[in-house]
Amino acid sequence: MTHRFEPRMTRRSLLALGAGAAAAPLLGACGGGVSTSGADAGKGGVTLMSNQFSPVEEKQRFEKILKDRVTGEKVAFNQVETGIFAATLQTQVDAGKVQVSVVGALHGDLAQHAARLIDLDDVLGGLTDRGFAPELTALAKLGGSTTKYIPWMQASYVLAVNKKALEWLPSGADVQKLTYDQLLAWTTAGRQANGNKPIFGIPAGVKGLYHRFFQGFLLPSFTGGQITTFRSPEAVTAWTYMKQLWAQTARASTTYDNLQEPLQRGEVLIGFDHVARLVGAPADKPDDWLMVPAPSGPKGLGYMLVLAGLGIPEGAPELDKAKDVIKQLTTPQVQLDVLRQNAFFPVTNAQVPTDLPGAVALAEGAVRAQREAPHAILSLPPVGLGARDGEVGQIFKNCFKEICLDGKPVRQVLDAQAGELNKIMDELTIPCWQPDPAGANCRAA
C-alpha cells in the first residue's frame, strides 16, 4: 500500500497531464480529461473530484464501492493530484462555471477554499444517526459558524512493534501507554541487548514523513503547540530528547521512505509512521505484531489527525444529487468497505467488525486508542499553507538534520530556523491550526 494523504504535485506531472495551472479548468470542461478514470458523469450525473486514492488499485477499489453502494445516482470519480484539485476548484468557482458536484480532500486542502464551498448544515442535520465526533464536526466548519464539509474518513500515525522487542520493555511500562522517556529507555535497552544494533526506526528518507512526527507528535507532546512554541524552552527540551532518541535509532532510517519494509525485513523491531505505511509489516503474521499509540510527553499525547471531508462547490450542478451521494458515502456499509478495502478509518459510529484483516484491525485499534486517550492533544497537518506546505515541512526537517545529524546546538538551530519559518508565515498571514491557538496570524513567538 502506498501513502495517499500527501501527494505532491510537480511541474513535470502537470505537464505530463497536459494541465498546467492555466489548463486546470479543462478538467471539468473536458469531462474528466485528466481523470485517472476518464470518467464523465454525463447529463444528470454527479462528478466527484478527489485527491485521495491516488494508487490505481485503491482508486479501482473505491470505484467499485461507489458502484456497489451508491444507488440512485450516476457518479463519476475523478481522482486528481493536489495541485490540479486546488486549481480546478478555484478556477471553476471563481469563473462561475462549475462542473464538479462533490469534492473530497483533506481538511487542510478544503480549508483554503472555505468561501468556495456551500454550507452543509442541512446535510449534517440529517445525519445525526452517524454519530460524528464533535471535534470532527467542529473542524468541518473551517473556522466559521456553518458546516463546510461532511467528515469522510480519517487516519493517523502510530508505532508498529514486533513482539520480539517486548522483552526489553522497561519494567512497569505499558506498551499501550508509553511515555517518551519509556520509549527512550526501551530503545536503549533493546540496542544494548541486540548486539548494539538499534531496534527503532523512523521514516527519515527523502520521501519519508518524519517531519510529521515532529509537527504532530513530539512538539505538541512537549510544548502543547506546533508553530507558536517552535523555539520555546519546552521545544529545546523536545529537540534535546530527539537527539538522545536518534542516538538509539537505526542510522539507515535516513534511507527509509516508509517503515513497513525495514520492519518486514527485521532491520528494526519498532517503527513510527503513517498507518498506510505500516500495515504491510504485520500483514502476513499479525499475531507477531502490535500497533500502539504514540508516546505521551509533559503536555500530553500529541497526535496528528489526518481527516478527509466531502464538500460541494458554490454553483455546483446536480445539488440535490450531490448531497445524496455525500449521505450515502457516510453509511456504515460504505465506511466499513473503505476500511476493509483501502484502510481508511470510519469517522462515524459504524461498528467495526471483528473479522477485519489482522493488520487493519491492529491499526484501527491503535488509532482509536490514540484518539480517545484522556490526555490526547489533537494536532492537524498544516492548514492554509497551500503550495508552501513543503517549505514549512522542510523547516522541521532542517531542525532534525542540524541537531541530530550535524550536532549543532539546539537553541542556535531553533532560533535560526524560527527566523526562516516566520518569513514564510509573515508572507502568508494565516491563522494557526490545532494545537496552536486560533485567531492571530500564526508565527513562532
Protein backbone atom coordinates (compact mmCIF):
# COMPACT_ATOMS: atom_id res chain seq x y z
CA MET A 1 0.00 0.00 0.00
CA THR A 2 1.28 3.43 -0.80
CA HIS A 3 0.71 6.59 1.09
CA ARG A 4 -2.03 8.72 -0.38
CA PHE A 5 -2.63 11.52 2.03
CA GLU A 6 0.10 13.88 0.99
CA PRO A 7 0.50 13.67 -2.75
CA ARG A 8 3.00 16.01 -4.30
CA MET A 9 2.25 17.95 -7.48
CA THR A 10 5.24 18.65 -9.64
CA ARG A 11 5.61 20.75 -12.74
CA ARG A 12 6.63 17.63 -14.61
CA SER A 13 3.49 15.76 -13.59
CA LEU A 14 1.36 18.76 -14.55
CA LEU A 15 2.94 18.88 -17.95
CA ALA A 16 2.61 15.13 -18.33
CA LEU A 17 -1.08 15.51 -17.77
CA GLY A 18 -1.24 18.40 -20.19
CA ALA A 19 -2.69 20.51 -17.43
CA GLY A 20 -0.66 23.47 -16.24
CA ALA A 21 -2.30 25.90 -13.85
CA ALA A 22 -3.93 27.73 -16.71
CA ALA A 23 -5.22 24.48 -18.12
CA ALA A 24 -6.69 23.20 -14.87
CA PRO A 25 -10.26 24.29 -15.69
CA LEU A 26 -10.15 21.90 -18.62
CA LEU A 27 -10.65 19.10 -16.16
CA GLY A 28 -14.32 19.79 -15.94
CA ALA A 29 -14.73 21.21 -19.38
CA CYS A 30 -13.29 18.08 -20.93
CA GLY A 31 -15.49 15.82 -18.88
CA GLY A 32 -12.63 14.31 -16.91
CA GLY A 33 -9.88 14.89 -19.41
CA VAL A 34 -7.18 14.43 -16.73
CA SER A 35 -9.06 11.97 -14.63
CA THR A 36 -7.28 8.74 -13.88
CA SER A 37 -10.52 7.03 -14.74
CA GLY A 38 -11.52 9.23 -17.62
CA ALA A 39 -14.95 9.10 -16.08
CA ASP A 40 -17.64 11.57 -17.02
CA ALA A 41 -20.86 11.59 -15.10
CA GLY A 42 -22.71 12.82 -18.14
CA LYS A 43 -26.00 14.68 -18.08
CA GLY A 44 -27.75 14.34 -14.74
CA GLY A 45 -24.77 12.58 -13.15
CA VAL A 46 -22.58 13.58 -10.21
CA THR A 47 -18.86 14.23 -10.69
CA LEU A 48 -16.83 13.55 -7.55
CA MET A 49 -13.34 15.09 -7.73
CA SER A 50 -10.83 14.00 -5.11
CA ASN A 51 -7.10 13.98 -4.47
CA GLN A 52 -7.44 10.76 -2.44
CA PHE A 53 -6.98 7.13 -3.58
CA SER A 54 -4.18 8.01 -5.97
CA PRO A 55 -2.74 4.47 -6.30
CA VAL A 56 -4.51 2.77 -9.19
CA GLU A 57 -5.55 -0.24 -7.12
CA GLU A 58 -7.10 1.95 -4.41
CA LYS A 59 -8.91 4.08 -6.96
CA GLN A 60 -10.35 1.00 -8.62
CA ARG A 61 -11.48 -0.43 -5.29
CA PHE A 62 -13.20 2.84 -4.38
CA GLU A 63 -14.90 2.97 -7.76
CA LYS A 64 -16.29 -0.49 -7.08
CA ILE A 65 -17.55 0.70 -3.69
CA LEU A 66 -19.28 3.59 -5.44
CA LYS A 67 -20.82 1.21 -7.96
CA ASP A 68 -21.98 -1.29 -5.34
CA ARG A 69 -23.09 1.02 -2.55
CA VAL A 70 -24.17 4.36 -4.02
CA THR A 71 -27.56 3.75 -5.52
CA GLY A 72 -29.91 6.00 -7.41
CA GLU A 73 -27.21 8.33 -8.72
CA LYS A 74 -24.67 8.04 -11.50
CA VAL A 75 -21.29 9.01 -10.06
CA ALA A 76 -18.03 9.66 -11.95
CA PHE A 77 -14.95 9.54 -9.75
CA ASN A 78 -12.21 11.90 -10.89
CA GLN A 79 -9.01 11.25 -8.94
CA VAL A 80 -6.50 14.08 -9.44
CA GLU A 81 -3.33 15.30 -7.81
CA THR A 82 -3.50 18.02 -5.19
CA GLY A 83 -2.32 20.85 -7.42
CA ILE A 84 -4.97 20.12 -10.03
CA PHE A 85 -7.60 19.67 -7.32
CA ALA A 86 -6.94 23.15 -5.93
CA ALA A 87 -6.61 24.85 -9.31
CA THR A 88 -9.78 23.27 -10.68
CA LEU A 89 -11.89 24.10 -7.65
CA GLN A 90 -10.65 27.68 -7.55
CA THR A 91 -10.93 28.35 -11.27
CA GLN A 92 -14.34 26.80 -11.80
CA VAL A 93 -15.96 28.54 -8.83
CA ASP A 94 -14.32 31.91 -9.46
CA ALA A 95 -15.36 31.77 -13.11
CA GLY A 96 -18.91 30.71 -12.24
CA LYS A 97 -18.63 27.67 -14.48
CA VAL A 98 -18.70 24.76 -12.05
CA GLN A 99 -18.91 21.25 -13.40
CA VAL A 100 -17.78 19.33 -10.31
CA SER A 101 -20.63 18.43 -7.97
CA VAL A 102 -18.70 16.99 -5.00
CA VAL A 103 -15.11 17.47 -3.83
CA GLY A 104 -13.29 15.12 -1.44
CA ALA A 105 -9.97 16.09 0.15
CA LEU A 106 -8.07 16.59 3.38
CA HIS A 107 -9.14 19.19 5.91
CA GLY A 108 -6.19 21.41 5.01
CA ASP A 109 -6.90 21.14 1.28
CA LEU A 110 -10.51 22.21 1.81
CA ALA A 111 -9.74 24.94 4.35
CA GLN A 112 -8.19 27.26 1.78
CA HIS A 113 -11.40 27.04 -0.27
CA ALA A 114 -13.92 27.59 2.54
CA ALA A 115 -15.50 30.54 0.74
CA ARG A 116 -15.94 28.41 -2.38
CA LEU A 117 -17.93 25.68 -0.58
CA ILE A 118 -21.63 25.84 0.18
CA ASP A 119 -22.99 25.46 3.71
CA LEU A 120 -23.92 21.89 4.56
CA ASP A 121 -25.70 22.33 7.89
CA ASP A 122 -28.82 20.80 6.37
CA VAL A 123 -26.92 17.69 5.28
CA LEU A 124 -25.21 17.29 8.64
CA GLY A 125 -28.55 17.80 10.40
CA GLY A 126 -29.93 14.82 8.52
CA LEU A 127 -27.07 12.58 9.57
CA THR A 128 -27.44 12.61 13.34
CA ASP A 129 -27.53 8.80 13.34
CA ARG A 130 -23.94 8.70 12.04
CA GLY A 131 -22.51 9.73 15.41
CA PHE A 132 -19.81 12.08 14.12
CA ALA A 133 -17.44 13.06 16.93
CA PRO A 134 -17.97 16.70 17.98
CA GLU A 135 -14.33 17.59 17.29
CA LEU A 136 -14.74 16.42 13.69
CA THR A 137 -17.91 18.41 13.03
CA ALA A 138 -16.25 21.43 14.65
CA LEU A 139 -13.30 21.12 12.26
CA ALA A 140 -15.75 20.80 9.37
CA LYS A 141 -16.79 24.42 9.94
CA LEU A 142 -13.33 25.53 8.78
CA GLY A 143 -13.19 28.29 11.35
CA GLY A 144 -16.64 29.68 10.55
CA SER A 145 -20.10 29.14 12.00
CA THR A 146 -21.53 26.77 9.40
CA THR A 147 -20.63 23.29 8.17
CA LYS A 148 -18.44 23.40 5.04
CA TYR A 149 -17.79 19.70 4.60
CA ILE A 150 -19.05 16.38 5.90
CA PRO A 151 -16.36 14.21 7.55
CA TRP A 152 -15.49 11.35 5.19
CA MET A 153 -12.63 9.24 6.57
CA GLN A 154 -9.58 9.53 8.78
CA ALA A 155 -6.09 8.18 9.52
CA SER A 156 -3.08 8.91 11.71
CA TYR A 157 0.42 7.78 12.60
CA VAL A 158 1.23 5.12 15.25
CA LEU A 159 4.01 2.82 16.42
CA ALA A 160 4.36 -0.70 15.00
CA VAL A 161 6.02 -3.17 17.36
CA ASN A 162 7.39 -6.61 16.64
CA LYS A 163 6.64 -8.62 19.78
CA LYS A 164 10.28 -9.72 19.88
CA ALA A 165 11.05 -6.25 21.24
CA LEU A 166 8.77 -6.63 24.25
CA GLU A 167 11.42 -8.49 26.20
CA TRP A 168 13.32 -5.21 26.55
CA LEU A 169 10.32 -3.09 27.55
CA PRO A 170 11.20 -1.25 30.81
CA SER A 171 9.73 -2.70 33.99
CA GLY A 172 6.37 -1.12 34.77
CA ALA A 173 5.88 0.33 31.29
CA ASP A 174 2.58 -0.33 29.48
CA VAL A 175 3.30 -0.62 25.76
CA GLN A 176 -0.18 0.78 25.07
CA LYS A 177 0.50 3.87 27.21
CA LEU A 178 4.15 4.71 26.69
CA THR A 179 5.85 7.92 27.69
CA TYR A 180 8.68 9.37 25.63
CA ASP A 181 11.09 8.61 28.48
CA GLN A 182 9.98 4.96 28.42
CA LEU A 183 10.41 4.80 24.64
CA LEU A 184 13.97 6.08 25.03
CA ALA A 185 14.72 3.60 27.82
CA TRP A 186 13.19 0.79 25.74
CA THR A 187 15.14 1.53 22.58
CA THR A 188 18.33 1.98 24.61
CA ALA A 189 17.91 -1.38 26.38
CA GLY A 190 16.96 -3.09 23.13
CA ARG A 191 20.03 -1.80 21.36
CA GLN A 192 22.31 -2.91 24.17
CA ALA A 193 20.75 -6.38 24.25
CA ASN A 194 20.75 -6.67 20.47
CA GLY A 195 24.49 -6.59 19.94
CA ASN A 196 24.47 -2.77 19.80
CA LYS A 197 22.15 -2.89 16.77
CA PRO A 198 19.32 -0.35 17.08
CA ILE A 199 15.79 -1.75 17.15
CA PHE A 200 13.98 1.56 16.44
CA GLY A 201 13.49 3.35 13.14
CA ILE A 202 11.82 6.46 11.70
CA PRO A 203 10.95 7.28 8.07
CA ALA A 204 13.70 9.87 7.52
CA GLY A 205 14.31 9.07 3.85
CA VAL A 206 13.83 11.53 1.01
CA LYS A 207 10.13 10.64 0.66
CA GLY A 208 9.64 9.84 4.36
CA LEU A 209 7.08 11.64 6.50
CA TYR A 210 9.33 12.09 9.55
CA HIS A 211 8.59 15.82 9.74
CA ARG A 212 5.03 14.87 10.73
CA PHE A 213 6.48 13.15 13.81
CA PHE A 214 7.97 16.46 14.93
CA GLN A 215 4.97 18.59 13.92
CA GLY A 216 2.16 16.39 15.16
CA PHE A 217 3.59 14.27 17.95
CA LEU A 218 6.89 15.25 19.56
CA LEU A 219 6.46 19.02 19.76
CA PRO A 220 2.76 19.05 20.78
CA SER A 221 3.56 16.47 23.47
CA PHE A 222 6.42 18.56 24.89
CA THR A 223 5.26 22.13 24.15
CA GLY A 224 1.50 21.97 23.58
CA GLY A 225 1.96 23.67 20.19
CA GLN A 226 3.47 23.28 16.76
CA ILE A 227 4.30 26.76 15.40
CA THR A 228 3.85 29.30 18.21
CA THR A 229 6.04 27.24 20.56
CA PHE A 230 8.63 26.45 17.89
CA ARG A 231 11.59 27.93 19.81
CA SER A 232 10.20 27.84 23.35
CA PRO A 233 12.24 26.41 26.25
CA GLU A 234 9.99 23.35 26.02
CA ALA A 235 10.92 22.97 22.35
CA VAL A 236 14.59 22.97 23.35
CA THR A 237 13.77 20.12 25.75
CA ALA A 238 11.91 18.26 22.98
CA TRP A 239 14.76 18.50 20.49
CA THR A 240 17.30 17.60 23.15
CA TYR A 241 15.21 14.49 23.75
CA MET A 242 15.07 13.83 20.00
CA LYS A 243 18.85 13.98 19.84
CA GLN A 244 19.02 11.31 22.57
CA LEU A 245 16.43 9.16 20.79
CA TRP A 246 18.28 9.49 17.49
CA ALA A 247 21.39 8.10 19.20
CA GLN A 248 19.41 4.89 19.72
CA THR A 249 17.83 4.88 16.24
CA ALA A 250 18.93 2.91 13.20
CA ARG A 251 21.16 5.12 11.05
CA ALA A 252 19.62 3.54 7.96
CA SER A 253 16.48 5.50 8.88
CA THR A 254 17.76 8.27 6.63
CA THR A 255 17.12 5.88 3.73
CA TYR A 256 13.65 4.75 4.86
CA ASP A 257 10.75 6.25 2.92
CA ASN A 258 8.39 4.03 4.90
CA LEU A 259 8.81 1.74 7.91
CA GLN A 260 6.84 -1.31 6.82
CA GLU A 261 9.62 -2.59 4.58
CA PRO A 262 12.51 -2.42 7.12
CA LEU A 263 10.11 -3.84 9.73
CA GLN A 264 9.26 -6.72 7.42
CA ARG A 265 12.95 -7.36 6.79
CA GLY A 266 13.66 -7.35 10.51
CA GLU A 267 16.10 -4.44 10.25
CA VAL A 268 14.22 -2.71 13.06
CA LEU A 269 11.63 -4.03 15.51
CA ILE A 270 9.85 -0.77 16.43
CA GLY A 271 8.87 1.90 13.93
CA PHE A 272 6.80 5.10 13.73
CA ASP A 273 4.96 6.00 10.54
CA HIS A 274 1.63 6.70 8.89
CA VAL A 275 -0.69 3.68 9.27
CA ALA A 276 -0.87 3.29 5.48
CA ARG A 277 2.91 2.91 5.52
CA LEU A 278 2.89 0.41 8.40
CA VAL A 279 0.10 -2.08 7.68
CA GLY A 280 2.27 -4.06 5.29
CA ALA A 281 4.60 -5.11 8.12
CA PRO A 282 2.15 -7.32 10.06
CA ALA A 283 0.11 -8.34 7.01
CA ASP A 284 1.44 -11.92 6.83
CA LYS A 285 1.81 -12.65 10.56
CA PRO A 286 -0.39 -10.22 12.50
CA ASP A 287 -0.12 -12.30 15.68
CA ASP A 288 3.59 -11.42 15.84
CA TRP A 289 2.88 -7.69 15.94
CA LEU A 290 1.33 -4.87 17.91
CA MET A 291 0.35 -1.39 16.83
CA VAL A 292 0.23 1.08 19.70
CA PRO A 293 -0.45 4.79 20.25
CA ALA A 294 2.38 7.30 20.10
CA PRO A 295 4.02 8.11 23.45
CA SER A 296 2.97 10.88 25.82
CA GLY A 297 5.10 13.82 26.88
CA PRO A 298 4.91 16.50 29.59
CA LYS A 299 1.91 18.22 27.93
CA GLY A 300 0.02 15.06 26.94
CA LEU A 301 -0.29 12.69 23.99
CA GLY A 302 0.18 14.81 20.90
CA TYR A 303 -1.18 13.10 17.81
CA MET A 304 -1.86 14.16 14.24
CA LEU A 305 -5.33 13.58 12.88
CA VAL A 306 -5.46 13.18 9.12
CA LEU A 307 -9.10 13.98 8.29
CA ALA A 308 -10.72 13.97 4.85
CA GLY A 309 -14.09 15.55 4.08
CA LEU A 310 -16.70 15.88 1.34
CA GLY A 311 -17.87 19.32 0.22
CA ILE A 312 -19.93 20.90 -2.53
CA PRO A 313 -18.59 23.87 -4.55
CA GLU A 314 -20.64 27.03 -4.89
CA GLY A 315 -22.66 26.79 -8.10
CA ALA A 316 -22.24 23.03 -8.39
CA PRO A 317 -24.61 21.20 -10.74
CA GLU A 318 -26.98 18.49 -9.53
CA LEU A 319 -27.03 19.89 -6.00
CA ASP A 320 -29.66 17.54 -4.56
CA LYS A 321 -27.97 14.51 -6.06
CA ALA A 322 -24.60 15.68 -4.74
CA LYS A 323 -26.00 15.88 -1.21
CA ASP A 324 -27.48 12.41 -1.61
CA VAL A 325 -24.12 10.99 -2.70
CA ILE A 326 -22.43 12.51 0.35
CA LYS A 327 -25.05 10.99 2.62
CA GLN A 328 -24.55 7.57 1.05
CA LEU A 329 -20.77 7.78 1.49
CA THR A 330 -21.24 8.09 5.25
CA THR A 331 -23.39 4.98 5.67
CA PRO A 332 -21.90 2.23 7.86
CA GLN A 333 -21.63 -0.07 4.86
CA VAL A 334 -19.53 2.37 2.86
CA GLN A 335 -17.41 3.41 5.83
CA LEU A 336 -16.55 -0.22 6.55
CA ASP A 337 -15.98 -1.05 2.88
CA VAL A 338 -13.44 1.78 2.71
CA LEU A 339 -11.78 0.46 5.88
CA ARG A 340 -11.58 -3.09 4.56
CA GLN A 341 -10.53 -2.18 1.05
CA ASN A 342 -8.34 0.89 1.48
CA ALA A 343 -7.53 1.10 5.24
CA PHE A 344 -9.13 4.49 5.82
CA PHE A 345 -10.86 4.55 9.18
CA PRO A 346 -14.52 5.44 9.79
CA VAL A 347 -15.47 8.90 11.02
CA THR A 348 -18.86 7.64 12.15
CA ASN A 349 -20.14 5.27 14.81
CA ALA A 350 -20.05 2.38 12.34
CA GLN A 351 -19.49 -0.80 14.32
CA VAL A 352 -16.09 -2.11 13.35
CA PRO A 353 -16.39 -5.86 12.56
CA THR A 354 -14.29 -8.47 14.29
CA ASP A 355 -13.24 -10.16 11.08
CA LEU A 356 -11.08 -7.36 9.69
CA PRO A 357 -7.74 -8.33 8.14
CA GLY A 358 -5.31 -8.67 11.05
CA ALA A 359 -3.07 -5.76 10.12
CA VAL A 360 -6.03 -3.42 9.57
CA ALA A 361 -7.53 -4.44 12.92
CA LEU A 362 -4.22 -3.66 14.66
CA ALA A 363 -4.05 -0.23 13.05
CA GLU A 364 -7.69 0.53 13.79
CA GLY A 365 -7.23 -0.25 17.47
CA ALA A 366 -4.13 1.90 17.79
CA VAL A 367 -5.66 4.89 16.01
CA ARG A 368 -8.80 4.67 18.14
CA ALA A 369 -6.87 4.33 21.42
CA GLN A 370 -4.68 7.28 20.47
CA ARG A 371 -7.65 9.48 19.63
CA GLU A 372 -9.60 8.50 22.75
CA ALA A 373 -6.71 8.91 25.23
CA PRO A 374 -7.87 11.25 28.02
CA HIS A 375 -4.79 13.46 27.67
CA ALA A 376 -4.74 13.49 23.85
CA ILE A 377 -3.68 16.71 22.12
CA LEU A 378 -5.17 16.91 18.64
CA SER A 379 -2.79 18.24 16.03
CA LEU A 380 -3.56 18.88 12.37
CA PRO A 381 -1.34 18.86 9.32
CA PRO A 382 -0.61 22.49 8.40
CA VAL A 383 -3.69 24.38 7.24
CA GLY A 384 -3.67 27.19 4.71
CA LEU A 385 -0.06 26.88 3.55
CA GLY A 386 -1.04 25.81 0.05
CA ALA A 387 1.98 25.25 -2.16
CA ARG A 388 4.27 26.33 0.67
CA ASP A 389 3.46 23.33 2.85
CA GLY A 390 6.64 21.67 1.66
CA GLU A 391 8.74 24.68 2.68
CA VAL A 392 7.37 24.59 6.22
CA GLY A 393 7.87 20.85 6.39
CA GLN A 394 11.47 21.41 5.33
CA ILE A 395 12.00 23.73 8.32
CA PHE A 396 11.30 20.82 10.66
CA LYS A 397 13.50 18.52 8.58
CA ASN A 398 16.27 21.11 8.80
CA CYS A 399 15.99 21.09 12.59
CA PHE A 400 16.39 17.32 12.60
CA LYS A 401 19.39 17.40 10.31
CA GLU A 402 21.23 20.18 12.08
CA ILE A 403 20.50 18.99 15.62
CA CYS A 404 20.56 15.20 15.27
CA LEU A 405 22.86 14.60 12.31
CA ASP A 406 25.19 17.60 12.42
CA GLY A 407 25.26 18.01 16.21
CA LYS A 408 24.64 21.76 16.24
CA PRO A 409 23.39 23.42 19.47
CA VAL A 410 19.62 23.11 19.84
CA ARG A 411 18.97 26.74 20.80
CA GLN A 412 21.07 28.07 17.93
CA VAL A 413 19.26 25.89 15.41
CA LEU A 414 15.77 26.71 16.65
CA ASP A 415 16.41 30.46 16.64
CA ALA A 416 17.76 30.34 13.09
CA GLN A 417 15.02 28.09 11.75
CA ALA A 418 12.34 30.13 13.55
CA GLY A 419 13.52 33.12 11.55
CA GLU A 420 13.07 31.20 8.31
CA LEU A 421 9.69 29.89 9.47
CA ASN A 422 8.45 33.37 10.32
CA LYS A 423 9.47 34.72 6.91
CA ILE A 424 7.03 32.27 5.35
CA MET A 425 4.29 32.74 7.93
CA ASP A 426 4.51 36.56 7.77
CA GLU A 427 4.03 36.43 4.00
CA LEU A 428 1.03 34.11 4.31
CA THR A 429 -0.64 35.86 7.29
CA ILE A 430 -2.86 32.90 8.13
CA PRO A 431 -4.36 31.86 11.47
CA CYS A 432 -2.90 28.98 13.41
CA TRP A 433 -4.26 25.46 13.32
CA GLN A 434 -4.53 22.99 16.17
CA PRO A 435 -2.91 22.59 18.61
CA ASP A 436 -1.81 26.23 18.39
CA PRO A 437 -4.47 28.78 19.39
CA ALA A 438 -6.66 30.10 16.57
CA GLY A 439 -7.10 33.77 15.86
CA ALA A 440 -3.95 35.79 15.38
CA ASN A 441 -1.53 35.38 12.49
CA CYS A 442 0.45 32.23 13.05
CA ARG A 443 4.18 32.59 13.71
CA ALA A 444 6.84 31.39 16.12
CA ALA A 445 6.91 33.51 19.28
